[in-house]
Amino acid sequence: MDIQEPDLETPKYQILKRTAAYEVRKYSPFVIVETQSDKLAGNTGFNDVAGVSFCYFGRL
């Protein structure tokens, strides 16, 4: 069984410099929330992530 990465939105960015070997990018601010748990099914994982998100966004 292969674990697939979720289809996440790519953060917005501006390319400041591009060469054949690399790009220098400037990203708009964004937030990533992650949890480590073996109980991500159901409400447990959602509650962990939502709790962190609500606390963070409540400070903005």
N, C-alpha and C. Protein backbone atom coordinates (compact mmCIF):
# COMPACT_ATOMS: atom_id res chain seq x y z
N MET A 1 0.85 -1.19 0.00
CA MET A 1 0.00 0.00 0.00
C MET A 1 0.89 1.24 0.00
N ASP A 2 0.71 2.10 -0.98
CA ASP A 2 1.46 3.34 -1.06
C ASP A 2 0.73 4.45 -0.32
N ILE A 3 1.49 5.25 0.41
CA ILE A 3 0.91 6.42 1.07
C ILE A 3 1.06 7.59 0.12
N GLN A 4 -0.04 8.24 -0.20
CA GLN A 4 -0.01 9.35 -1.13
C GLN A 4 -0.02 10.67 -0.38
N GLU A 5 0.72 11.62 -0.93
CA GLU A 5 0.70 12.97 -0.37
C GLU A 5 -0.65 13.60 -0.68
N PRO A 6 -1.20 14.37 0.26
CA PRO A 6 -2.47 15.05 -0.03
C PRO A 6 -2.27 16.11 -1.11
N ASP A 7 -3.33 16.40 -1.81
CA ASP A 7 -3.30 17.43 -2.84
C ASP A 7 -3.42 18.78 -2.15
N LEU A 8 -2.28 19.41 -1.87
CA LEU A 8 -2.26 20.68 -1.14
C LEU A 8 -2.11 21.85 -2.09
N GLU A 9 -2.65 22.96 -1.70
CA GLU A 9 -2.49 24.19 -2.48
C GLU A 9 -1.03 24.65 -2.38
N THR A 10 -0.47 25.08 -3.48
CA THR A 10 0.90 25.60 -3.49
C THR A 10 0.87 27.05 -3.03
N PRO A 11 1.69 27.40 -2.04
CA PRO A 11 1.73 28.80 -1.60
C PRO A 11 2.12 29.74 -2.75
N LYS A 12 1.59 30.94 -2.73
CA LYS A 12 1.91 31.93 -3.76
C LYS A 12 3.34 32.42 -3.57
N TYR A 13 4.03 32.62 -4.68
CA TYR A 13 5.40 33.11 -4.61
C TYR A 13 5.74 33.92 -5.85
N GLN A 14 6.80 34.70 -5.73
CA GLN A 14 7.33 35.51 -6.83
C GLN A 14 8.75 35.03 -7.08
N ILE A 15 9.11 34.81 -8.34
CA ILE A 15 10.47 34.40 -8.67
C ILE A 15 11.33 35.65 -8.76
N LEU A 16 12.33 35.73 -7.89
CA LEU A 16 13.23 36.88 -7.86
C LEU A 16 14.42 36.70 -8.80
N LYS A 17 14.86 35.44 -8.96
CA LYS A 17 15.99 35.15 -9.84
C LYS A 17 15.87 33.72 -10.33
N ARG A 18 16.16 33.51 -11.60
CA ARG A 18 16.10 32.16 -12.16
C ARG A 18 17.36 31.90 -12.97
N THR A 19 17.98 30.76 -12.72
CA THR A 19 19.12 30.31 -13.51
C THR A 19 18.78 28.90 -14.00
N ALA A 20 19.69 28.31 -14.75
CA ALA A 20 19.48 26.93 -15.20
C ALA A 20 19.51 25.96 -14.03
N ALA A 21 20.17 26.33 -12.93
CA ALA A 21 20.35 25.41 -11.80
C ALA A 21 19.38 25.64 -10.64
N TYR A 22 18.85 26.87 -10.49
CA TYR A 22 18.01 27.14 -9.32
C TYR A 22 17.12 28.36 -9.54
N GLU A 23 16.14 28.51 -8.61
CA GLU A 23 15.28 29.70 -8.55
C GLU A 23 15.37 30.28 -7.14
N VAL A 24 15.32 31.59 -7.05
CA VAL A 24 15.18 32.26 -5.76
C VAL A 24 13.75 32.78 -5.72
N ARG A 25 13.00 32.33 -4.71
CA ARG A 25 11.58 32.67 -4.62
C ARG A 25 11.30 33.47 -3.35
N LYS A 26 10.33 34.38 -3.46
CA LYS A 26 9.81 35.11 -2.30
C LYS A 26 8.37 34.65 -2.11
N TYR A 27 8.11 34.03 -0.96
CA TYR A 27 6.78 33.48 -0.68
C TYR A 27 5.94 34.47 0.11
N SER A 28 4.65 34.50 -0.20
CA SER A 28 3.69 35.23 0.64
C SER A 28 3.57 34.47 1.95
N PRO A 29 3.22 35.14 3.02
CA PRO A 29 3.07 34.44 4.31
C PRO A 29 2.02 33.34 4.22
N PHE A 30 2.30 32.21 4.87
CA PHE A 30 1.34 31.12 4.94
C PHE A 30 1.62 30.30 6.20
N VAL A 31 0.64 29.50 6.59
CA VAL A 31 0.73 28.72 7.82
C VAL A 31 0.60 27.25 7.48
N ILE A 32 1.44 26.44 8.12
CA ILE A 32 1.34 24.98 7.99
C ILE A 32 1.08 24.43 9.38
N VAL A 33 0.07 23.58 9.49
CA VAL A 33 -0.24 22.94 10.76
C VAL A 33 -0.08 21.44 10.56
N GLU A 34 0.60 20.80 11.51
CA GLU A 34 0.88 19.37 11.40
C GLU A 34 0.69 18.74 12.77
N THR A 35 0.26 17.50 12.79
CA THR A 35 0.14 16.77 14.04
C THR A 35 0.72 15.38 13.85
N GLN A 36 1.23 14.83 14.93
CA GLN A 36 1.72 13.46 14.90
C GLN A 36 0.84 12.64 15.81
N SER A 37 0.16 11.68 15.23
CA SER A 37 -0.74 10.85 16.01
C SER A 37 -1.03 9.59 15.23
N ASP A 38 -1.29 8.53 15.95
CA ASP A 38 -1.72 7.31 15.28
C ASP A 38 -3.24 7.21 15.29
N LYS A 39 -3.89 8.28 15.75
CA LYS A 39 -5.35 8.30 15.84
C LYS A 39 -5.92 9.43 14.99
N LEU A 40 -5.48 9.53 13.74
CA LEU A 40 -5.93 10.62 12.89
C LEU A 40 -7.32 10.39 12.30
N ALA A 41 -7.81 9.18 12.40
CA ALA A 41 -9.15 8.90 11.88
C ALA A 41 -10.18 9.54 12.80
N GLY A 42 -11.27 9.98 12.23
CA GLY A 42 -12.34 10.54 13.03
C GLY A 42 -12.01 11.95 13.51
N ASN A 43 -12.53 12.30 14.68
CA ASN A 43 -12.41 13.66 15.19
C ASN A 43 -11.08 13.95 15.87
N THR A 44 -10.34 12.94 16.30
CA THR A 44 -9.13 13.17 17.09
C THR A 44 -8.12 14.01 16.33
N GLY A 45 -7.77 13.61 15.12
CA GLY A 45 -6.80 14.37 14.32
C GLY A 45 -7.31 15.75 13.99
N PHE A 46 -8.58 15.84 13.62
CA PHE A 46 -9.16 17.15 13.30
C PHE A 46 -9.10 18.07 14.50
N ASN A 47 -9.45 17.56 15.67
CA ASN A 47 -9.45 18.39 16.87
C ASN A 47 -8.04 18.89 17.21
N ASP A 48 -7.03 18.04 17.03
CA ASP A 48 -5.64 18.46 17.28
C ASP A 48 -5.26 19.62 16.38
N VAL A 49 -5.50 19.45 15.09
CA VAL A 49 -5.12 20.48 14.11
C VAL A 49 -5.99 21.73 14.28
N ALA A 50 -7.28 21.55 14.47
CA ALA A 50 -8.18 22.69 14.61
C ALA A 50 -7.83 23.51 15.85
N GLY A 51 -7.49 22.84 16.95
CA GLY A 51 -7.14 23.56 18.17
C GLY A 51 -5.93 24.46 17.96
N VAL A 52 -4.91 23.95 17.30
CA VAL A 52 -3.73 24.77 17.01
C VAL A 52 -4.10 25.91 16.07
N SER A 53 -4.86 25.61 15.04
CA SER A 53 -5.25 26.63 14.05
C SER A 53 -6.06 27.74 14.70
N PHE A 54 -7.03 27.37 15.51
CA PHE A 54 -7.90 28.38 16.13
C PHE A 54 -7.10 29.26 17.08
N CYS A 55 -6.17 28.68 17.82
CA CYS A 55 -5.33 29.48 18.72
C CYS A 55 -4.45 30.44 17.92
N TYR A 56 -3.86 29.95 16.84
CA TYR A 56 -2.98 30.80 16.03
C TYR A 56 -3.76 31.93 15.38
N PHE A 57 -4.84 31.60 14.70
CA PHE A 57 -5.58 32.62 13.97
C PHE A 57 -6.32 33.56 14.91
N GLY A 58 -6.59 33.14 16.12
CA GLY A 58 -7.20 34.02 17.10
C GLY A 58 -6.27 35.13 17.55
N ARG A 59 -4.94 34.92 17.38
CA ARG A 59 -3.97 35.94 17.77
C ARG A 59 -3.76 36.98 16.69
N LEU A 60 -4.21 36.71 15.47
CA LEU A 60 -3.96 37.66 14.36
C LEU A 60 -4.82 38.90 14.48
